[in-house]
PDB file of N, CA and C in Angstrom:
ATOM      1  N   MET A   1      67.780  58.914  87.462  1.00  0.00           N
ATOM      2  CA  MET A   1      69.045  58.578  86.832  1.00  0.00           C
ATOM      3  C   MET A   1      69.943  57.912  87.882  1.00  0.00           C
ATOM      4  N   VAL A   2      70.580  56.827  87.469  1.00  0.00           N
ATOM      5  CA  VAL A   2      71.512  56.094  88.323  1.00  0.00           C
ATOM      6  C   VAL A   2      72.879  56.118  87.659  1.00  0.00           C
ATOM      7  N   GLU A   3      73.914  56.327  88.476  1.00  0.00           N
ATOM      8  CA  GLU A   3      75.279  56.410  87.965  1.00  0.00           C
ATOM      9  C   GLU A   3      76.201  55.662  88.928  1.00  0.00           C
ATOM     10  N   THR A   4      77.113  54.861  88.387  1.00  0.00           N
ATOM     11  CA  THR A   4      78.052  54.134  89.228  1.00  0.00           C
ATOM     12  C   THR A   4      79.393  53.956  88.525  1.00  0.00           C
ATOM     13  N   ASN A   5      80.467  53.940  89.300  1.00  0.00           N
ATOM     14  CA  ASN A   5      81.802  53.691  88.764  1.00  0.00           C
ATOM     15  C   ASN A   5      82.114  52.209  88.908  1.00  0.00           C
ATOM     16  N   VAL A   6      82.691  51.635  87.858  1.00  0.00           N
ATOM     17  CA  VAL A   6      82.976  50.206  87.825  1.00  0.00           C
ATOM     18  C   VAL A   6      84.369  49.985  87.253  1.00  0.00           C
ATOM     19  N   GLU A   7      85.136  49.088  87.887  1.00  0.00           N
ATOM     20  CA  GLU A   7      86.446  48.732  87.347  1.00  0.00           C
ATOM     21  C   GLU A   7      86.283  47.548  86.405  1.00  0.00           C
ATOM     22  N   VAL A   8      86.881  47.634  85.238  1.00  0.00           N
ATOM     23  CA  VAL A   8      86.811  46.566  84.242  1.00  0.00           C
ATOM     24  C   VAL A   8      87.781  45.461  84.643  1.00  0.00           C
ATOM     25  N   LYS A   9      87.244  44.258  84.856  1.00  0.00           N
ATOM     26  CA  LYS A   9      88.074  43.130  85.281  1.00  0.00           C
ATOM     27  C   LYS A   9      88.222  42.068  84.200  1.00  0.00           C
ATOM     28  N   LEU A  10      87.587  42.284  83.058  1.00  0.00           N
ATOM     29  CA  LEU A  10      87.704  41.347  81.941  1.00  0.00           C
ATOM     30  C   LEU A  10      89.145  41.303  81.460  1.00  0.00           C
ATOM     31  N   LYS A  11      89.660  40.109  81.204  1.00  0.00           N
ATOM     32  CA  LYS A  11      91.058  39.943  80.800  1.00  0.00           C
ATOM     33  C   LYS A  11      91.416  40.781  79.576  1.00  0.00           C
ATOM     34  N   THR A  12      90.526  40.804  78.592  1.00  0.00           N
ATOM     35  CA  THR A  12      90.793  41.555  77.359  1.00  0.00           C
ATOM     36  C   THR A  12      90.181  42.949  77.384  1.00  0.00           C
ATOM     37  N   GLY A  13      89.659  43.353  78.520  1.00  0.00           N
ATOM     38  CA  GLY A  13      88.977  44.642  78.579  1.00  0.00           C
ATOM     39  C   GLY A  13      87.637  44.537  77.873  1.00  0.00           C
ATOM     40  N   LEU A  14      87.110  45.650  77.458  1.00  0.00           N
ATOM     41  CA  LEU A  14      85.812  45.661  76.772  1.00  0.00           C
ATOM     42  C   LEU A  14      86.057  45.830  75.272  1.00  0.00           C
ATOM     43  N   GLN A  15      86.653  44.807  74.680  1.00  0.00           N
ATOM     44  CA  GLN A  15      87.005  44.803  73.263  1.00  0.00           C
ATOM     45  C   GLN A  15      86.231  43.707  72.530  1.00  0.00           C
ATOM     46  N   ALA A  16      86.011  43.883  71.264  1.00  0.00           N
ATOM     47  CA  ALA A  16      85.408  42.917  70.334  1.00  0.00           C
ATOM     48  C   ALA A  16      84.284  42.075  70.932  1.00  0.00           C
ATOM     49  N   ARG A  17      84.572  40.827  71.233  1.00  0.00           N
ATOM     50  CA  ARG A  17      83.544  39.885  71.681  1.00  0.00           C
ATOM     51  C   ARG A  17      82.850  40.362  72.952  1.00  0.00           C
ATOM     52  N   GLN A  18      83.630  40.802  73.930  1.00  0.00           N
ATOM     53  CA  GLN A  18      83.048  41.266  75.190  1.00  0.00           C
ATOM     54  C   GLN A  18      82.204  42.526  74.981  1.00  0.00           C
ATOM     55  N   ALA A  19      82.641  43.395  74.097  1.00  0.00           N
ATOM     56  CA  ALA A  19      81.879  44.611  73.791  1.00  0.00           C
ATOM     57  C   ALA A  19      80.547  44.248  73.147  1.00  0.00           C
ATOM     58  N   ALA A  20      80.558  43.257  72.266  1.00  0.00           N
ATOM     59  CA  ALA A  20      79.321  42.808  71.614  1.00  0.00           C
ATOM     60  C   ALA A  20      78.344  42.248  72.638  1.00  0.00           C
ATOM     61  N   LEU A  21      78.838  41.456  73.577  1.00  0.00           N
ATOM     62  CA  LEU A  21      77.980  40.902  74.637  1.00  0.00           C
ATOM     63  C   LEU A  21      77.425  42.017  75.518  1.00  0.00           C
ATOM     64  N   PHE A  22      78.258  43.005  75.807  1.00  0.00           N
ATOM     65  CA  PHE A  22      77.843  44.142  76.617  1.00  0.00           C
ATOM     66  C   PHE A  22      76.712  44.907  75.918  1.00  0.00           C
ATOM     67  N   VAL A  23      76.863  45.163  74.630  1.00  0.00           N
ATOM     68  CA  VAL A  23      75.852  45.902  73.855  1.00  0.00           C
ATOM     69  C   VAL A  23      74.551  45.100  73.778  1.00  0.00           C
ATOM     70  N   GLN A  24      74.652  43.796  73.593  1.00  0.00           N
ATOM     71  CA  GLN A  24      73.450  42.948  73.571  1.00  0.00           C
ATOM     72  C   GLN A  24      72.694  43.055  74.888  1.00  0.00           C
ATOM     73  N   GLU A  25      73.428  43.013  75.990  1.00  0.00           N
ATOM     74  CA  GLU A  25      72.802  43.144  77.312  1.00  0.00           C
ATOM     75  C   GLU A  25      72.181  44.528  77.470  1.00  0.00           C
ATOM     76  N   ALA A  26      72.884  45.563  77.064  1.00  0.00           N
ATOM     77  CA  ALA A  26      72.375  46.940  77.183  1.00  0.00           C
ATOM     78  C   ALA A  26      71.066  47.114  76.416  1.00  0.00           C
ATOM     79  N   ASN A  27      70.953  46.448  75.284  1.00  0.00           N
ATOM     80  CA  ASN A  27      69.752  46.564  74.458  1.00  0.00           C
ATOM     81  C   ASN A  27      68.549  45.826  75.030  1.00  0.00           C
ATOM     82  N   ARG A  28      68.742  45.057  76.071  1.00  0.00           N
ATOM     83  CA  ARG A  28      67.637  44.374  76.731  1.00  0.00           C
ATOM     84  C   ARG A  28      66.824  45.328  77.608  1.00  0.00           C
ATOM     85  N   TYR A  29      67.387  46.468  77.918  1.00  0.00           N
ATOM     86  CA  TYR A  29      66.753  47.414  78.834  1.00  0.00           C
ATOM     87  C   TYR A  29      66.107  48.578  78.098  1.00  0.00           C
ATOM     88  N   LYS A  30      65.011  49.066  78.669  1.00  0.00           N
ATOM     89  CA  LYS A  30      64.309  50.208  78.091  1.00  0.00           C
ATOM     90  C   LYS A  30      65.029  51.513  78.408  1.00  0.00           C
ATOM     91  N   ALA A  31      65.746  51.537  79.521  1.00  0.00           N
ATOM     92  CA  ALA A  31      66.445  52.752  79.957  1.00  0.00           C
ATOM     93  C   ALA A  31      67.499  53.178  78.940  1.00  0.00           C
ATOM     94  N   GLU A  32      67.744  54.467  78.908  1.00  0.00           N
ATOM     95  CA  GLU A  32      68.880  54.973  78.136  1.00  0.00           C
ATOM     96  C   GLU A  32      70.120  54.647  78.956  1.00  0.00           C
ATOM     97  N   VAL A  33      71.127  54.060  78.308  1.00  0.00           N
ATOM     98  CA  VAL A  33      72.320  53.623  79.025  1.00  0.00           C
ATOM     99  C   VAL A  33      73.554  54.214  78.343  1.00  0.00           C
ATOM    100  N   TYR A  34      74.442  54.766  79.162  1.00  0.00           N
ATOM    101  CA  TYR A  34      75.671  55.370  78.658  1.00  0.00           C
ATOM    102  C   TYR A  34      76.874  54.817  79.402  1.00  0.00           C
ATOM    103  N   LEU A  35      77.998  54.818  78.735  1.00  0.00           N
ATOM    104  CA  LEU A  35      79.263  54.410  79.324  1.00  0.00           C
ATOM    105  C   LEU A  35      80.215  55.581  79.166  1.00  0.00           C
ATOM    106  N   LYS A  36      80.863  55.956  80.259  1.00  0.00           N
ATOM    107  CA  LYS A  36      81.741  57.123  80.238  1.00  0.00           C
ATOM    108  C   LYS A  36      83.139  56.719  80.693  1.00  0.00           C
ATOM    109  N   LYS A  37      84.129  57.111  79.893  1.00  0.00           N
ATOM    110  CA  LYS A  37      85.538  56.900  80.237  1.00  0.00           C
ATOM    111  C   LYS A  37      86.197  58.266  80.167  1.00  0.00           C
ATOM    112  N   GLU A  38      86.724  58.690  81.304  1.00  0.00           N
ATOM    113  CA  GLU A  38      87.289  60.035  81.423  1.00  0.00           C
ATOM    114  C   GLU A  38      86.216  61.049  81.039  1.00  0.00           C
ATOM    115  N   GLU A  39      86.403  61.815  80.003  1.00  0.00           N
ATOM    116  CA  GLU A  39      85.406  62.824  79.620  1.00  0.00           C
ATOM    117  C   GLU A  39      84.570  62.415  78.411  1.00  0.00           C
ATOM    118  N   LYS A  40      84.792  61.211  77.882  1.00  0.00           N
ATOM    119  CA  LYS A  40      84.055  60.765  76.703  1.00  0.00           C
ATOM    120  C   LYS A  40      82.890  59.864  77.120  1.00  0.00           C
ATOM    121  N   LYS A  41      81.695  60.224  76.696  1.00  0.00           N
ATOM    122  CA  LYS A  41      80.477  59.501  77.045  1.00  0.00           C
ATOM    123  C   LYS A  41      79.828  58.986  75.762  1.00  0.00           C
ATOM    124  N   VAL A  42      79.516  57.671  75.737  1.00  0.00           N
ATOM    125  CA  VAL A  42      78.909  57.075  74.545  1.00  0.00           C
ATOM    126  C   VAL A  42      77.659  56.290  74.914  1.00  0.00           C
ATOM    127  N   ASN A  43      76.829  56.079  73.924  1.00  0.00           N
ATOM    128  CA  ASN A  43      75.637  55.256  74.080  1.00  0.00           C
ATOM    129  C   ASN A  43      76.082  53.797  74.251  1.00  0.00           C
ATOM    130  N   ALA A  44      75.698  53.172  75.357  1.00  0.00           N
ATOM    131  CA  ALA A  44      76.117  51.799  75.642  1.00  0.00           C
ATOM    132  C   ALA A  44      75.404  50.775  74.755  1.00  0.00           C
ATOM    133  N   LYS A  45      74.457  51.221  73.955  1.00  0.00           N
ATOM    134  CA  LYS A  45      73.747  50.323  73.043  1.00  0.00           C
ATOM    135  C   LYS A  45      74.362  50.351  71.651  1.00  0.00           C
ATOM    136  N   SER A  46      75.499  51.049  71.524  1.00  0.00           N
ATOM    137  CA  SER A  46      76.193  51.186  70.243  1.00  0.00           C
ATOM    138  C   SER A  46      77.560  50.504  70.296  1.00  0.00           C
ATOM    139  N   ILE A  47      77.753  49.483  69.471  1.00  0.00           N
ATOM    140  CA  ILE A  47      79.029  48.768  69.443  1.00  0.00           C
ATOM    141  C   ILE A  47      80.163  49.703  69.026  1.00  0.00           C
ATOM    142  N   MET A  48      79.908  50.583  68.085  1.00  0.00           N
ATOM    143  CA  MET A  48      80.949  51.511  67.633  1.00  0.00           C
ATOM    144  C   MET A  48      81.326  52.487  68.750  1.00  0.00           C
ATOM    145  N   GLY A  49      80.344  52.923  69.508  1.00  0.00           N
ATOM    146  CA  GLY A  49      80.618  53.816  70.630  1.00  0.00           C
ATOM    147  C   GLY A  49      81.489  53.143  71.679  1.00  0.00           C
ATOM    148  N   ILE A  50      81.123  51.919  72.039  1.00  0.00           N
ATOM    149  CA  ILE A  50      81.890  51.166  73.041  1.00  0.00           C
ATOM    150  C   ILE A  50      83.314  50.934  72.548  1.00  0.00           C
ATOM    151  N   MET A  51      83.467  50.507  71.307  1.00  0.00           N
ATOM    152  CA  MET A  51      84.793  50.233  70.761  1.00  0.00           C
ATOM    153  C   MET A  51      85.656  51.500  70.712  1.00  0.00           C
ATOM    154  N   SER A  52      85.030  52.647  70.496  1.00  0.00           N
ATOM    155  CA  SER A  52      85.787  53.901  70.407  1.00  0.00           C
ATOM    156  C   SER A  52      86.427  54.297  71.739  1.00  0.00           C
ATOM    157  N   LEU A  53      85.928  53.751  72.832  1.00  0.00           N
ATOM    158  CA  LEU A  53      86.500  54.074  74.142  1.00  0.00           C
ATOM    159  C   LEU A  53      87.790  53.313  74.431  1.00  0.00           C
ATOM    160  N   ALA A  54      88.028  52.212  73.718  1.00  0.00           N
ATOM    161  CA  ALA A  54      89.239  51.403  73.913  1.00  0.00           C
ATOM    162  C   ALA A  54      89.476  51.103  75.396  1.00  0.00           C
ATOM    163  N   ILE A  55      88.529  50.414  75.998  1.00  0.00           N
ATOM    164  CA  ILE A  55      88.565  50.142  77.436  1.00  0.00           C
ATOM    165  C   ILE A  55      89.388  48.892  77.727  1.00  0.00           C
ATOM    166  N   ALA A  56      90.465  49.078  78.468  1.00  0.00           N
ATOM    167  CA  ALA A  56      91.363  47.982  78.830  1.00  0.00           C
ATOM    168  C   ALA A  56      91.061  47.493  80.251  1.00  0.00           C
ATOM    169  N   ARG A  57      91.589  46.330  80.565  1.00  0.00           N
ATOM    170  CA  ARG A  57      91.451  45.780  81.913  1.00  0.00           C
ATOM    171  C   ARG A  57      92.057  46.756  82.922  1.00  0.00           C
ATOM    172  N   GLY A  58      91.376  46.925  84.048  1.00  0.00           N
ATOM    173  CA  GLY A  58      91.854  47.820  85.092  1.00  0.00           C
ATOM    174  C   GLY A  58      91.360  49.243  84.970  1.00  0.00           C
ATOM    175  N   THR A  59      90.716  49.570  83.864  1.00  0.00           N
ATOM    176  CA  THR A  59      90.155  50.906  83.648  1.00  0.00           C
ATOM    177  C   THR A  59      88.884  51.061  84.477  1.00  0.00           C
ATOM    178  N   THR A  60      88.706  52.220  85.064  1.00  0.00           N
ATOM    179  CA  THR A  60      87.450  52.512  85.761  1.00  0.00           C
ATOM    180  C   THR A  60      86.581  53.340  84.835  1.00  0.00           C
ATOM    181  N   VAL A  61      85.357  52.864  84.629  1.00  0.00           N
ATOM    182  CA  VAL A  61      84.393  53.555  83.768  1.00  0.00           C
ATOM    183  C   VAL A  61      83.161  53.901  84.596  1.00  0.00           C
ATOM    184  N   THR A  62      82.360  54.803  84.079  1.00  0.00           N
ATOM    185  CA  THR A  62      81.110  55.179  84.732  1.00  0.00           C
ATOM    186  C   THR A  62      79.945  54.681  83.901  1.00  0.00           C
ATOM    187  N   LEU A  63      79.056  53.940  84.537  1.00  0.00           N
ATOM    188  CA  LEU A  63      77.822  53.485  83.902  1.00  0.00           C
ATOM    189  C   LEU A  63      76.711  54.432  84.314  1.00  0.00           C
ATOM    190  N   ILE A  64      75.934  54.882  83.337  1.00  0.00           N
ATOM    191  CA  ILE A  64      74.843  55.811  83.598  1.00  0.00           C
ATOM    192  C   ILE A  64      73.588  55.230  82.951  1.00  0.00           C
ATOM    193  N   ALA A  65      72.503  55.160  83.717  1.00  0.00           N
ATOM    194  CA  ALA A  65      71.236  54.672  83.164  1.00  0.00           C
ATOM    195  C   ALA A  65      70.116  55.601  83.603  1.00  0.00           C
ATOM    196  N   ASP A  66      69.169  55.820  82.699  1.00  0.00           N
ATOM    197  CA  ASP A  66      68.045  56.699  82.983  1.00  0.00           C
ATOM    198  C   ASP A  66      66.802  56.114  82.331  1.00  0.00           C
ATOM    199  N   GLY A  67      65.857  55.680  83.154  1.00  0.00           N
ATOM    200  CA  GLY A  67      64.629  55.109  82.621  1.00  0.00           C
ATOM    201  C   GLY A  67      63.966  54.182  83.630  1.00  0.00           C
ATOM    202  N   SER A  68      62.898  53.552  83.205  1.00  0.00           N
ATOM    203  CA  SER A  68      62.081  52.735  84.108  1.00  0.00           C
ATOM    204  C   SER A  68      62.823  51.553  84.717  1.00  0.00           C
ATOM    205  N   ASP A  69      63.783  50.985  84.009  1.00  0.00           N
ATOM    206  CA  ASP A  69      64.522  49.830  84.534  1.00  0.00           C
ATOM    207  C   ASP A  69      66.007  50.155  84.738  1.00  0.00           C
ATOM    208  N   GLU A  70      66.280  51.403  85.107  1.00  0.00           N
ATOM    209  CA  GLU A  70      67.663  51.875  85.245  1.00  0.00           C
ATOM    210  C   GLU A  70      68.475  51.072  86.260  1.00  0.00           C
ATOM    211  N   SER A  71      67.875  50.715  87.387  1.00  0.00           N
ATOM    212  CA  SER A  71      68.608  49.951  88.413  1.00  0.00           C
ATOM    213  C   SER A  71      68.986  48.571  87.911  1.00  0.00           C
ATOM    214  N   ASP A  72      68.062  47.919  87.218  1.00  0.00           N
ATOM    215  CA  ASP A  72      68.344  46.601  86.649  1.00  0.00           C
ATOM    216  C   ASP A  72      69.445  46.691  85.595  1.00  0.00           C
ATOM    217  N   ALA A  73      69.407  47.748  84.793  1.00  0.00           N
ATOM    218  CA  ALA A  73      70.420  47.938  83.750  1.00  0.00           C
ATOM    219  C   ALA A  73      71.807  48.099  84.367  1.00  0.00           C
ATOM    220  N   ILE A  74      71.907  48.913  85.379  1.00  0.00           N
ATOM    221  CA  ILE A  74      73.200  49.131  86.046  1.00  0.00           C
ATOM    222  C   ILE A  74      73.706  47.821  86.646  1.00  0.00           C
ATOM    223  N   LYS A  75      72.831  47.105  87.294  1.00  0.00           N
ATOM    224  CA  LYS A  75      73.208  45.839  87.934  1.00  0.00           C
ATOM    225  C   LYS A  75      73.680  44.816  86.900  1.00  0.00           C
ATOM    226  N   GLY A  76      72.912  44.639  85.833  1.00  0.00           N
ATOM    227  CA  GLY A  76      73.254  43.667  84.797  1.00  0.00           C
ATOM    228  C   GLY A  76      74.530  44.001  84.052  1.00  0.00           C
ATOM    229  N   LEU A  77      74.700  45.251  83.696  1.00  0.00           N
ATOM    230  CA  LEU A  77      75.880  45.679  82.943  1.00  0.00           C
ATOM    231  C   LEU A  77      77.133  45.695  83.823  1.00  0.00           C
ATOM    232  N   SER A  78      76.976  46.060  85.067  1.00  0.00           N
ATOM    233  CA  SER A  78      78.116  46.039  86.001  1.00  0.00           C
ATOM    234  C   SER A  78      78.653  44.621  86.160  1.00  0.00           C
ATOM    235  N   SER A  79      77.728  43.662  86.228  1.00  0.00           N
ATOM    236  CA  SER A  79      78.170  42.270  86.417  1.00  0.00           C
ATOM    237  C   SER A  79      78.982  41.767  85.237  1.00  0.00           C
ATOM    238  N   ILE A  80      78.683  42.229  84.025  1.00  0.00           N
ATOM    239  CA  ILE A  80      79.462  41.836  82.849  1.00  0.00           C
ATOM    240  C   ILE A  80      80.857  42.434  82.926  1.00  0.00           C
ATOM    241  N   ILE A  81      80.954  43.700  83.251  1.00  0.00           N
ATOM    242  CA  ILE A  81      82.241  44.401  83.297  1.00  0.00           C
ATOM    243  C   ILE A  81      83.144  43.857  84.406  1.00  0.00           C
ATOM    244  N   GLN A  82      82.547  43.493  85.517  1.00  0.00           N
ATOM    245  CA  GLN A  82      83.332  43.067  86.681  1.00  0.00           C
ATOM    246  C   GLN A  82      83.618  41.578  86.707  1.00  0.00           C
ATOM    247  N   LYS A  83      83.177  40.861  85.690  1.00  0.00           N
ATOM    248  CA  LYS A  83      83.409  39.422  85.641  1.00  0.00           C
ATOM    249  C   LYS A  83      84.877  39.152  85.301  1.00  0.00           C
ATOM    250  N   ALA A  84      85.568  38.558  86.231  1.00  0.00           N
ATOM    251  CA  ALA A  84      86.979  38.208  85.981  1.00  0.00           C
ATOM    252  C   ALA A  84      87.009  36.906  85.207  1.00  0.00           C
ATOM    253  N   ASP A  85      87.613  36.936  84.027  1.00  0.00           N
ATOM    254  CA  ASP A  85      87.672  35.706  83.208  1.00  0.00           C
ATOM    255  C   ASP A  85      89.065  35.168  83.109  1.00  0.00           C
TER     256      ASP A  85
END
């Protein structure tokens, strides 16, 4: 299992369009992937789960991946969250 904290740098946070892109990327990996904000943890492959976190720019979230390609998943998903637009 790999876990890392990431600051959201997207201008609109992880809302609507960006959340959809994030979920699409998460679904490319075999690993189980979760996104945690404060004490709430959701499946990163679920658009409804991601949207329920209401992640704004500047928020620090925890990415958690567990599986054969966990390192790749963390790397790929972190790059989406940290992309300043």
